[in-house]
Structures are given as structure tokens and as C-alpha cells.
N, C-alpha and C. Protein backbone atom coordinates (compact mmCIF):
# COMPACT_ATOMS: atom_id res chain seq x y z
N MET A 1 8.96 24.56 -0.54
CA MET A 1 9.01 23.22 0.03
C MET A 1 8.62 22.20 -1.03
N SER A 2 9.40 21.15 -1.19
CA SER A 2 9.09 20.15 -2.20
C SER A 2 8.01 19.20 -1.70
N SER A 3 7.31 18.60 -2.64
CA SER A 3 6.23 17.68 -2.31
C SER A 3 6.77 16.38 -1.75
N LYS A 4 6.00 15.79 -0.86
CA LYS A 4 6.30 14.44 -0.38
C LYS A 4 5.86 13.47 -1.47
N GLN A 5 6.51 12.32 -1.51
CA GLN A 5 6.24 11.30 -2.51
C GLN A 5 5.56 10.10 -1.87
N LEU A 6 4.34 9.81 -2.30
CA LEU A 6 3.60 8.65 -1.83
C LEU A 6 3.57 7.62 -2.96
N LEU A 7 4.07 6.45 -2.67
CA LEU A 7 4.11 5.36 -3.64
C LEU A 7 3.02 4.35 -3.31
N VAL A 8 2.25 3.98 -4.30
CA VAL A 8 1.25 2.93 -4.17
C VAL A 8 1.72 1.75 -5.00
N VAL A 9 1.99 0.64 -4.34
CA VAL A 9 2.38 -0.60 -5.02
C VAL A 9 1.23 -1.57 -4.79
N ALA A 10 0.41 -1.73 -5.83
CA ALA A 10 -0.81 -2.51 -5.66
C ALA A 10 -1.07 -3.41 -6.86
N HIS A 11 -1.42 -4.64 -6.54
CA HIS A 11 -1.78 -5.63 -7.56
C HIS A 11 -3.28 -5.49 -7.82
N ALA A 12 -3.65 -5.27 -9.07
CA ALA A 12 -5.06 -5.04 -9.42
C ALA A 12 -5.43 -5.85 -10.66
N PRO A 13 -5.59 -7.18 -10.51
CA PRO A 13 -5.80 -8.02 -11.69
C PRO A 13 -7.25 -8.10 -12.17
N SER A 14 -8.20 -7.49 -11.45
CA SER A 14 -9.61 -7.60 -11.82
C SER A 14 -10.27 -6.22 -11.78
N PRO A 15 -11.45 -6.10 -12.37
CA PRO A 15 -12.15 -4.82 -12.30
C PRO A 15 -12.38 -4.34 -10.85
N ASN A 16 -12.71 -5.25 -9.96
CA ASN A 16 -12.95 -4.83 -8.57
C ASN A 16 -11.67 -4.41 -7.86
N THR A 17 -10.58 -5.12 -8.08
CA THR A 17 -9.33 -4.70 -7.43
C THR A 17 -8.81 -3.41 -8.06
N ARG A 18 -9.14 -3.19 -9.32
CA ARG A 18 -8.80 -1.91 -9.97
C ARG A 18 -9.58 -0.78 -9.29
N LYS A 19 -10.84 -1.04 -8.92
CA LYS A 19 -11.65 -0.04 -8.20
C LYS A 19 -10.99 0.32 -6.87
N LEU A 20 -10.39 -0.66 -6.22
CA LEU A 20 -9.76 -0.40 -4.92
C LEU A 20 -8.55 0.51 -5.06
N VAL A 21 -7.68 0.22 -6.02
CA VAL A 21 -6.50 1.07 -6.19
C VAL A 21 -6.91 2.46 -6.67
N GLU A 22 -7.92 2.54 -7.51
CA GLU A 22 -8.40 3.86 -7.95
C GLU A 22 -8.96 4.65 -6.77
N ALA A 23 -9.62 3.96 -5.84
CA ALA A 23 -10.15 4.62 -4.65
C ALA A 23 -9.01 5.14 -3.77
N VAL A 24 -7.97 4.35 -3.59
CA VAL A 24 -6.80 4.79 -2.83
C VAL A 24 -6.22 6.06 -3.47
N LEU A 25 -6.07 6.04 -4.78
CA LEU A 25 -5.51 7.19 -5.49
C LEU A 25 -6.42 8.42 -5.37
N ARG A 26 -7.72 8.20 -5.46
CA ARG A 26 -8.67 9.31 -5.32
C ARG A 26 -8.53 9.96 -3.94
N GLY A 27 -8.41 9.13 -2.92
CA GLY A 27 -8.22 9.67 -1.57
C GLY A 27 -6.91 10.40 -1.42
N ALA A 28 -5.84 9.81 -1.91
CA ALA A 28 -4.51 10.41 -1.77
C ALA A 28 -4.38 11.70 -2.57
N ARG A 29 -5.17 11.82 -3.63
CA ARG A 29 -5.12 13.01 -4.49
C ARG A 29 -6.27 13.98 -4.21
N HIS A 30 -6.84 13.87 -3.03
CA HIS A 30 -7.96 14.74 -2.64
C HIS A 30 -7.58 16.21 -2.85
N GLU A 31 -8.55 17.01 -3.21
CA GLU A 31 -8.29 18.42 -3.52
C GLU A 31 -7.68 19.20 -2.36
N ASP A 32 -7.87 18.75 -1.14
CA ASP A 32 -7.29 19.44 0.01
C ASP A 32 -5.83 19.07 0.26
N ILE A 33 -5.33 18.07 -0.46
CA ILE A 33 -3.94 17.63 -0.31
C ILE A 33 -3.13 18.26 -1.45
N SER A 34 -2.22 19.16 -1.10
CA SER A 34 -1.44 19.82 -2.15
C SER A 34 0.05 19.52 -2.06
N GLY A 35 0.50 18.98 -0.95
CA GLY A 35 1.92 18.77 -0.77
C GLY A 35 2.39 17.34 -0.94
N VAL A 36 1.57 16.51 -1.60
CA VAL A 36 1.93 15.10 -1.78
C VAL A 36 1.68 14.70 -3.24
N GLU A 37 2.68 14.12 -3.85
CA GLU A 37 2.54 13.54 -5.19
C GLU A 37 2.41 12.03 -5.02
N THR A 38 1.40 11.47 -5.67
CA THR A 38 1.11 10.05 -5.53
C THR A 38 1.30 9.34 -6.86
N ARG A 39 2.02 8.22 -6.81
CA ARG A 39 2.24 7.38 -8.00
C ARG A 39 1.82 5.96 -7.70
N TRP A 40 1.12 5.36 -8.64
CA TRP A 40 0.78 3.94 -8.56
C TRP A 40 1.68 3.20 -9.54
N ILE A 41 2.33 2.17 -9.03
CA ILE A 41 3.15 1.30 -9.86
C ILE A 41 2.75 -0.14 -9.55
N ALA A 42 2.48 -0.92 -10.56
CA ALA A 42 2.16 -2.33 -10.38
C ALA A 42 3.37 -3.03 -9.75
N PRO A 43 3.14 -4.02 -8.89
CA PRO A 43 4.26 -4.66 -8.18
C PRO A 43 5.35 -5.23 -9.08
N LEU A 44 4.98 -5.75 -10.24
CA LEU A 44 6.00 -6.32 -11.13
C LEU A 44 6.86 -5.24 -11.79
N ASP A 45 6.39 -4.00 -11.75
CA ASP A 45 7.14 -2.88 -12.33
C ASP A 45 7.86 -2.04 -11.29
N ALA A 46 7.50 -2.19 -10.03
CA ALA A 46 8.11 -1.40 -8.95
C ALA A 46 9.37 -2.09 -8.44
N GLY A 47 10.29 -1.30 -7.93
CA GLY A 47 11.53 -1.87 -7.41
C GLY A 47 12.17 -0.98 -6.37
N PRO A 48 13.38 -1.32 -5.98
CA PRO A 48 14.07 -0.61 -4.91
C PRO A 48 14.21 0.89 -5.16
N ASP A 49 14.49 1.30 -6.38
CA ASP A 49 14.65 2.73 -6.64
C ASP A 49 13.36 3.50 -6.38
N ASP A 50 12.22 2.88 -6.68
CA ASP A 50 10.93 3.53 -6.41
C ASP A 50 10.74 3.70 -4.90
N VAL A 51 11.12 2.69 -4.14
CA VAL A 51 11.00 2.77 -2.69
C VAL A 51 11.95 3.84 -2.14
N ARG A 52 13.15 3.90 -2.66
CA ARG A 52 14.12 4.90 -2.19
C ARG A 52 13.61 6.33 -2.38
N ARG A 53 12.84 6.55 -3.45
CA ARG A 53 12.35 7.90 -3.77
C ARG A 53 11.10 8.29 -3.00
N CYS A 54 10.48 7.37 -2.28
CA CYS A 54 9.20 7.70 -1.65
C CYS A 54 9.37 8.07 -0.17
N ASP A 55 8.39 8.82 0.32
CA ASP A 55 8.33 9.21 1.73
C ASP A 55 7.31 8.37 2.49
N GLY A 56 6.49 7.64 1.77
CA GLY A 56 5.47 6.76 2.34
C GLY A 56 5.01 5.80 1.27
N ILE A 57 4.45 4.66 1.68
CA ILE A 57 4.04 3.64 0.72
C ILE A 57 2.73 3.00 1.16
N ILE A 58 1.88 2.75 0.18
CA ILE A 58 0.66 1.96 0.40
C ILE A 58 0.79 0.71 -0.44
N LEU A 59 0.59 -0.43 0.19
CA LEU A 59 0.67 -1.72 -0.48
C LEU A 59 -0.73 -2.30 -0.61
N GLY A 60 -1.05 -2.81 -1.79
CA GLY A 60 -2.34 -3.45 -2.01
C GLY A 60 -2.16 -4.80 -2.65
N THR A 61 -2.93 -5.77 -2.17
CA THR A 61 -2.79 -7.12 -2.71
C THR A 61 -4.10 -7.88 -2.63
N THR A 62 -4.20 -8.86 -3.47
CA THR A 62 -5.26 -9.85 -3.36
C THR A 62 -4.78 -10.95 -2.42
N GLU A 63 -5.73 -11.69 -1.90
CA GLU A 63 -5.40 -12.90 -1.15
C GLU A 63 -5.39 -14.05 -2.16
N ASN A 64 -4.23 -14.67 -2.32
CA ASN A 64 -4.09 -15.77 -3.26
C ASN A 64 -3.63 -17.01 -2.51
N LEU A 65 -4.50 -18.00 -2.43
CA LEU A 65 -4.18 -19.25 -1.73
C LEU A 65 -3.72 -18.98 -0.30
N GLY A 66 -4.37 -18.04 0.37
CA GLY A 66 -4.04 -17.72 1.75
C GLY A 66 -2.78 -16.90 1.91
N TYR A 67 -2.31 -16.27 0.85
CA TYR A 67 -1.07 -15.51 0.89
C TYR A 67 -1.23 -14.27 0.01
N MET A 68 -0.25 -13.38 0.03
CA MET A 68 -0.28 -12.22 -0.84
C MET A 68 -0.13 -12.65 -2.30
N SER A 69 -0.42 -11.76 -3.20
CA SER A 69 -0.26 -12.08 -4.62
C SER A 69 1.20 -12.37 -4.93
N GLY A 70 1.42 -13.21 -5.91
CA GLY A 70 2.78 -13.49 -6.35
C GLY A 70 3.49 -12.25 -6.84
N ALA A 71 2.73 -11.32 -7.42
CA ALA A 71 3.32 -10.08 -7.91
C ALA A 71 3.88 -9.25 -6.76
N LEU A 72 3.13 -9.13 -5.66
CA LEU A 72 3.64 -8.36 -4.51
C LEU A 72 4.80 -9.09 -3.85
N LYS A 73 4.73 -10.40 -3.79
CA LYS A 73 5.84 -11.18 -3.24
C LYS A 73 7.10 -10.96 -4.08
N ASP A 74 6.95 -10.91 -5.40
CA ASP A 74 8.07 -10.65 -6.29
C ASP A 74 8.67 -9.27 -6.00
N PHE A 75 7.82 -8.27 -5.79
CA PHE A 75 8.30 -6.93 -5.44
C PHE A 75 9.17 -6.99 -4.18
N PHE A 76 8.70 -7.70 -3.16
CA PHE A 76 9.50 -7.82 -1.94
C PHE A 76 10.78 -8.61 -2.18
N ASP A 77 10.72 -9.67 -2.98
CA ASP A 77 11.91 -10.46 -3.28
C ASP A 77 13.01 -9.59 -3.91
N ARG A 78 12.62 -8.65 -4.75
CA ARG A 78 13.59 -7.80 -5.44
C ARG A 78 13.99 -6.56 -4.65
N SER A 79 13.15 -6.14 -3.70
CA SER A 79 13.37 -4.86 -3.03
C SER A 79 13.82 -4.96 -1.59
N TYR A 80 13.54 -6.07 -0.93
CA TYR A 80 13.76 -6.18 0.51
C TYR A 80 15.19 -5.80 0.92
N TYR A 81 16.15 -6.56 0.48
CA TYR A 81 17.53 -6.30 0.92
C TYR A 81 18.12 -5.00 0.38
N PRO A 82 17.83 -4.60 -0.86
CA PRO A 82 18.38 -3.33 -1.34
C PRO A 82 17.93 -2.10 -0.54
N VAL A 83 16.74 -2.14 0.08
CA VAL A 83 16.25 -0.96 0.82
C VAL A 83 16.27 -1.17 2.34
N LEU A 84 16.65 -2.34 2.78
CA LEU A 84 16.54 -2.70 4.20
C LEU A 84 17.16 -1.67 5.13
N GLU A 85 18.37 -1.27 4.89
CA GLU A 85 19.05 -0.35 5.81
C GLU A 85 18.61 1.10 5.65
N GLU A 86 18.37 1.53 4.42
CA GLU A 86 18.14 2.96 4.21
C GLU A 86 16.68 3.41 4.34
N LYS A 87 15.71 2.49 4.37
CA LYS A 87 14.31 2.91 4.45
C LYS A 87 13.62 2.46 5.73
N GLN A 88 14.39 2.19 6.76
CA GLN A 88 13.78 1.83 8.04
C GLN A 88 12.92 2.99 8.53
N GLY A 89 11.77 2.67 9.09
CA GLY A 89 10.85 3.70 9.57
C GLY A 89 9.92 4.24 8.51
N LEU A 90 9.99 3.72 7.29
CA LEU A 90 9.13 4.21 6.21
C LEU A 90 7.67 4.03 6.60
N PRO A 91 6.88 5.11 6.59
CA PRO A 91 5.45 4.98 6.89
C PRO A 91 4.76 4.16 5.80
N CYS A 92 3.94 3.21 6.21
CA CYS A 92 3.24 2.39 5.23
C CYS A 92 1.83 2.07 5.69
N ALA A 93 1.01 1.73 4.72
CA ALA A 93 -0.34 1.26 4.96
C ALA A 93 -0.59 0.12 3.98
N VAL A 94 -1.55 -0.73 4.33
CA VAL A 94 -1.80 -1.93 3.53
C VAL A 94 -3.30 -2.17 3.42
N TYR A 95 -3.73 -2.58 2.23
CA TYR A 95 -5.08 -3.12 2.10
C TYR A 95 -4.99 -4.46 1.39
N ILE A 96 -5.88 -5.36 1.79
CA ILE A 96 -5.93 -6.72 1.25
C ILE A 96 -7.35 -6.97 0.75
N ARG A 97 -7.47 -7.46 -0.46
CA ARG A 97 -8.77 -7.91 -0.97
C ARG A 97 -8.80 -9.42 -0.79
N ALA A 98 -9.56 -9.85 0.23
CA ALA A 98 -9.57 -11.25 0.62
C ALA A 98 -10.92 -11.88 0.36
N GLY A 99 -10.95 -12.87 -0.49
CA GLY A 99 -12.18 -13.60 -0.73
C GLY A 99 -12.57 -14.45 0.46
N HIS A 100 -11.59 -14.81 1.28
CA HIS A 100 -11.85 -15.59 2.49
C HIS A 100 -11.60 -14.71 3.70
N ASP A 101 -10.65 -15.08 4.55
CA ASP A 101 -10.47 -14.28 5.77
C ASP A 101 -9.26 -13.36 5.76
N GLY A 102 -8.29 -13.59 4.90
CA GLY A 102 -7.14 -12.70 4.78
C GLY A 102 -6.08 -12.84 5.86
N THR A 103 -6.27 -13.75 6.81
CA THR A 103 -5.33 -13.81 7.94
C THR A 103 -3.93 -14.26 7.53
N GLY A 104 -3.82 -15.20 6.61
CA GLY A 104 -2.50 -15.65 6.16
C GLY A 104 -1.77 -14.53 5.43
N THR A 105 -2.49 -13.80 4.61
CA THR A 105 -1.90 -12.68 3.88
C THR A 105 -1.45 -11.60 4.85
N GLN A 106 -2.30 -11.30 5.81
CA GLN A 106 -1.98 -10.27 6.80
C GLN A 106 -0.76 -10.66 7.62
N ARG A 107 -0.71 -11.90 8.07
CA ARG A 107 0.45 -12.38 8.85
C ARG A 107 1.74 -12.28 8.06
N ALA A 108 1.69 -12.68 6.80
CA ALA A 108 2.89 -12.63 5.96
C ALA A 108 3.37 -11.20 5.77
N LEU A 109 2.44 -10.29 5.50
CA LEU A 109 2.82 -8.89 5.30
C LEU A 109 3.35 -8.28 6.59
N GLU A 110 2.72 -8.57 7.71
CA GLU A 110 3.21 -8.05 8.99
C GLU A 110 4.63 -8.52 9.26
N SER A 111 4.92 -9.78 8.93
CA SER A 111 6.26 -10.32 9.12
C SER A 111 7.29 -9.59 8.26
N ILE A 112 6.96 -9.39 6.99
CA ILE A 112 7.87 -8.70 6.08
C ILE A 112 8.08 -7.25 6.53
N LEU A 113 7.00 -6.57 6.88
CA LEU A 113 7.10 -5.16 7.29
C LEU A 113 7.88 -5.02 8.59
N THR A 114 7.73 -5.98 9.49
CA THR A 114 8.52 -5.97 10.72
C THR A 114 10.00 -6.12 10.39
N GLY A 115 10.32 -7.03 9.49
CA GLY A 115 11.72 -7.22 9.08
C GLY A 115 12.31 -5.98 8.44
N LEU A 116 11.51 -5.29 7.63
CA LEU A 116 11.97 -4.06 6.98
C LEU A 116 12.02 -2.88 7.96
N ARG A 117 11.35 -3.04 9.08
CA ARG A 117 11.19 -1.97 10.08
C ARG A 117 10.43 -0.78 9.50
N TRP A 118 9.46 -1.09 8.62
CA TRP A 118 8.56 -0.06 8.13
C TRP A 118 7.47 0.13 9.17
N LYS A 119 6.92 1.32 9.25
CA LYS A 119 5.96 1.67 10.30
C LYS A 119 4.54 1.68 9.74
N LEU A 120 3.73 0.71 10.16
CA LEU A 120 2.31 0.73 9.80
C LEU A 120 1.66 1.92 10.48
N VAL A 121 1.01 2.78 9.70
CA VAL A 121 0.40 3.98 10.27
C VAL A 121 -1.02 3.73 10.73
N GLN A 122 -1.58 2.59 10.37
CA GLN A 122 -2.89 2.18 10.86
C GLN A 122 -3.00 0.67 10.67
N ASP A 123 -4.01 0.08 11.26
CA ASP A 123 -4.21 -1.35 11.11
C ASP A 123 -4.40 -1.69 9.63
N ILE A 124 -3.95 -2.87 9.26
CA ILE A 124 -4.12 -3.34 7.89
C ILE A 124 -5.62 -3.45 7.59
N VAL A 125 -6.01 -2.92 6.44
CA VAL A 125 -7.40 -2.97 5.99
C VAL A 125 -7.60 -4.28 5.23
N VAL A 126 -8.57 -5.07 5.67
CA VAL A 126 -8.89 -6.31 4.98
C VAL A 126 -10.32 -6.21 4.45
N CYS A 127 -10.45 -6.18 3.14
CA CYS A 127 -11.75 -6.16 2.47
C CYS A 127 -12.13 -7.63 2.25
N ARG A 128 -12.90 -8.15 3.17
CA ARG A 128 -13.11 -9.59 3.33
C ARG A 128 -14.45 -10.04 2.76
N GLY A 129 -14.45 -11.23 2.16
CA GLY A 129 -15.70 -11.86 1.71
C GLY A 129 -16.13 -11.42 0.33
N ASP A 130 -17.43 -11.57 0.08
CA ASP A 130 -17.98 -11.16 -1.21
C ASP A 130 -17.78 -9.66 -1.40
N TRP A 131 -17.71 -9.24 -2.67
CA TRP A 131 -17.49 -7.84 -3.00
C TRP A 131 -18.60 -6.96 -2.39
N GLN A 132 -18.16 -5.85 -1.79
CA GLN A 132 -19.09 -4.85 -1.25
C GLN A 132 -18.62 -3.49 -1.76
N GLU A 133 -19.56 -2.68 -2.18
CA GLU A 133 -19.21 -1.35 -2.70
C GLU A 133 -18.49 -0.50 -1.67
N ASN A 134 -18.77 -0.70 -0.37
CA ASN A 134 -18.11 0.12 0.66
C ASN A 134 -16.61 -0.16 0.77
N PHE A 135 -16.11 -1.22 0.13
CA PHE A 135 -14.67 -1.45 0.11
C PHE A 135 -13.95 -0.25 -0.51
N THR A 136 -14.55 0.35 -1.53
CA THR A 136 -13.90 1.50 -2.17
C THR A 136 -13.85 2.69 -1.22
N GLU A 137 -14.88 2.88 -0.41
CA GLU A 137 -14.88 3.98 0.56
C GLU A 137 -13.76 3.81 1.57
N VAL A 138 -13.59 2.58 2.05
CA VAL A 138 -12.54 2.30 3.03
C VAL A 138 -11.16 2.55 2.42
N CYS A 139 -10.97 2.15 1.18
CA CYS A 139 -9.68 2.35 0.52
C CYS A 139 -9.44 3.82 0.21
N GLN A 140 -10.49 4.54 -0.14
CA GLN A 140 -10.34 5.98 -0.38
C GLN A 140 -9.92 6.69 0.91
N GLU A 141 -10.52 6.32 2.03
CA GLU A 141 -10.13 6.88 3.33
C GLU A 141 -8.68 6.55 3.66
N LEU A 142 -8.25 5.34 3.32
CA LEU A 142 -6.87 4.93 3.56
C LEU A 142 -5.91 5.84 2.79
N GLY A 143 -6.19 6.09 1.51
CA GLY A 143 -5.35 6.96 0.71
C GLY A 143 -5.32 8.38 1.24
N LEU A 144 -6.48 8.90 1.63
CA LEU A 144 -6.56 10.25 2.18
C LEU A 144 -5.80 10.36 3.49
N TYR A 145 -5.97 9.39 4.37
CA TYR A 145 -5.29 9.39 5.67
C TYR A 145 -3.78 9.40 5.49
N MET A 146 -3.29 8.55 4.60
CA MET A 146 -1.85 8.45 4.39
C MET A 146 -1.30 9.74 3.81
N ALA A 147 -1.95 10.28 2.79
CA ALA A 147 -1.47 11.50 2.15
C ALA A 147 -1.54 12.69 3.12
N ALA A 148 -2.63 12.80 3.86
CA ALA A 148 -2.77 13.90 4.81
C ALA A 148 -1.72 13.81 5.91
N GLY A 149 -1.45 12.60 6.39
CA GLY A 149 -0.42 12.41 7.40
C GLY A 149 0.96 12.75 6.91
N LEU A 150 1.26 12.41 5.67
CA LEU A 150 2.56 12.76 5.07
C LEU A 150 2.67 14.27 4.91
N GLU A 151 1.61 14.88 4.38
CA GLU A 151 1.64 16.31 4.15
C GLU A 151 1.81 17.09 5.45
N ALA A 152 1.16 16.64 6.51
CA ALA A 152 1.21 17.32 7.79
C ALA A 152 2.49 17.01 8.58
N GLY A 153 3.27 16.06 8.10
CA GLY A 153 4.49 15.68 8.81
C GLY A 153 4.24 14.81 10.03
N ILE A 154 3.05 14.22 10.10
CA ILE A 154 2.72 13.34 11.24
C ILE A 154 3.51 12.04 11.14
N PHE A 155 3.71 11.57 9.92
CA PHE A 155 4.56 10.41 9.70
C PHE A 155 5.35 10.59 8.42
């Protein structure tokens, strides 16, 4: 049986946001997960072909001026229509690093994901306010949950 492909498209412009994506990867690559290969690609480098090859996707972004990062928006601008028909139902998860409340970012992402007909496998994780070390724990759990669900065929 071939491995499932988990794609992480996450914007990580700072040391703390880098910690978040590393935590997601640590969770997704947990020693108990053997049937999932996980790749992280920065949003400006990811595109439709990467989405076509994946069985699930985790999106990560900062909150920038009440919206997702420009890098993640660029990824959607280039990928939305090319994958719209063939990737409906794609399991996805999202985390947002929000210095404020993250609601504008969350609303925008929910709208895009609804249009793509991708399936959120859990509520969007919003790491809100001042930096807290437990943000990495939450993101690690997100990566583990997504990879375990893909491996088990739950989504």
C-alpha cells in the first residue's frame, strides 16, 4: 500500500511562526504514523500540482491586517481554479497565528474553503494574542490528528 501524501502550506516569516509549522510537522511525522508522507512547502512555492498530489492539506497563516498572509492569498490565487473540480472533498485543517482576534482571517479562509468544497476535519485553530508556548502543542496535535486520520482512512 502506498503512503498517503499530506501537504503543509504554511507561511512562517518569524521564529515563532516557524515553531508552529515545525510543531505541525512533528505531529504529522509522529513515530506511530507510518503510512503518511508529509511535505511542507511555503505558500509562494506551492501550486496546483502540489495540491493535486496530496491526499490532505494543512494550511497555516499569520493574521495580516485582519486577513490571511499575502503569501497564502497568492497560493489560492494561483491554485483555486486549476484544482477546483478535481480536488473537491480534500480533507484540510487550518491554523492561524493571530496577534489580534483572527476572525477576519478565519472568515476569509472559510469562504475560500467552502468555494473549493474542501472538508475541514476540525475547527480552525486560532493561536490568538501574545505568544504562548502552548501554541506549539496545539499545532503538534493538529498535525498528528490530520496524519492519523489520513492513515486510518477516516478522511
